[in-house]
Amino acid sequence: MFPASSGSKKGFLSVIFCRDFLIFLFINYFPNLFLFFHLFSISFSSLFSSFFYFFSNPFFILFPFSRLHTVPEMYFNQLQ
């Protein structure tokens, strides 16, 4: 009844969950480090892949722009 690729799909979803959990930790506890990795990953990716990254992210879907807009503000406030 289930396709043969269901195991690989579960592994892929667990990788996405681990990635999103690490991103959640970066946003809440290491905002400068999150901003660095975030800008670094976007600068070396195409527009489509960054678009797919945001909208495949469960934290982004559940909490859209809840903390993301505060990360650059916190970063630039520390520079001043």
Protein backbone atom coordinates (compact mmCIF):
# COMPACT_ATOMS: atom_id res chain seq x y z
CA MET A 1 0.00 0.00 0.00
CA PHE A 2 2.88 2.35 0.75
CA PRO A 3 5.47 3.15 -1.91
CA ALA A 4 8.89 1.58 -1.71
CA SER A 5 10.51 4.97 -1.12
CA SER A 6 8.68 5.62 2.15
CA GLY A 7 11.79 4.76 4.18
CA SER A 8 13.92 7.25 2.32
CA LYS A 9 11.17 9.83 2.70
CA LYS A 10 11.21 9.30 6.47
CA GLY A 11 14.97 9.75 6.49
CA PHE A 12 14.64 12.92 4.44
CA LEU A 13 12.00 14.29 6.81
CA SER A 14 14.17 13.53 9.82
CA VAL A 15 17.08 15.38 8.18
CA ILE A 16 14.78 18.36 7.55
CA PHE A 17 13.58 18.26 11.16
CA CYS A 18 17.14 18.17 12.51
CA ARG A 19 18.11 21.05 10.21
CA ASP A 20 15.10 23.09 11.31
CA PHE A 21 15.77 22.36 14.96
CA LEU A 22 19.34 23.63 14.57
CA ILE A 23 18.04 26.72 12.78
CA PHE A 24 15.57 27.24 15.63
CA LEU A 25 18.46 27.10 18.12
CA PHE A 26 20.50 29.52 16.00
CA ILE A 27 17.62 32.01 15.85
CA ASN A 28 16.95 31.92 19.58
CA TYR A 29 20.38 31.49 21.14
CA PHE A 30 23.00 32.43 18.52
CA PRO A 31 21.45 35.17 16.36
CA ASN A 32 24.73 36.53 15.00
CA LEU A 33 25.91 33.08 14.01
CA PHE A 34 22.53 32.34 12.45
CA LEU A 35 22.70 35.57 10.45
CA PHE A 36 26.18 34.72 9.19
CA PHE A 37 25.26 31.20 8.05
CA HIS A 38 21.96 32.41 6.66
CA LEU A 39 23.55 35.11 4.50
CA PHE A 40 26.36 32.77 3.50
CA SER A 41 23.94 30.07 2.34
CA ILE A 42 21.73 32.49 0.41
CA SER A 43 24.67 34.15 -1.32
CA PHE A 44 25.77 30.80 -2.77
CA SER A 45 22.33 29.56 -3.78
CA SER A 46 19.93 30.45 -6.53
CA LEU A 47 16.69 32.33 -6.00
CA PHE A 48 14.61 29.20 -6.49
CA SER A 49 16.52 27.14 -3.94
CA SER A 50 16.29 29.87 -1.29
CA PHE A 51 12.56 30.21 -2.03
CA PHE A 52 12.11 26.44 -1.65
CA TYR A 53 14.21 26.48 1.53
CA PHE A 54 11.98 29.01 3.26
CA PHE A 55 8.67 27.47 2.29
CA SER A 56 9.78 23.90 3.05
CA ASN A 57 10.77 25.00 6.55
CA PRO A 58 8.09 24.04 9.11
CA PHE A 59 9.22 26.72 11.56
CA PHE A 60 8.84 29.35 8.85
CA ILE A 61 5.35 28.09 8.00
CA LEU A 62 4.25 27.91 11.65
CA PHE A 63 5.86 31.19 12.74
CA PRO A 64 6.30 33.38 9.66
CA PHE A 65 8.69 36.26 10.35
CA SER A 66 8.24 35.85 14.11
CA ARG A 67 11.95 36.17 14.94
CA LEU A 68 13.58 36.49 11.52
CA HIS A 69 13.05 40.24 11.26
CA THR A 70 14.65 40.84 14.65
CA VAL A 71 17.91 39.06 13.81
CA PRO A 72 19.33 41.79 11.50
CA GLU A 73 18.20 44.48 13.94
CA MET A 74 20.02 42.78 16.81
CA TYR A 75 23.08 42.29 14.63
CA PHE A 76 23.29 45.91 13.47
CA ASN A 77 22.53 47.27 16.94
CA GLN A 78 25.58 45.45 18.26
CA LEU A 79 27.74 46.96 15.52
CA GLN A 80 26.87 50.51 16.50
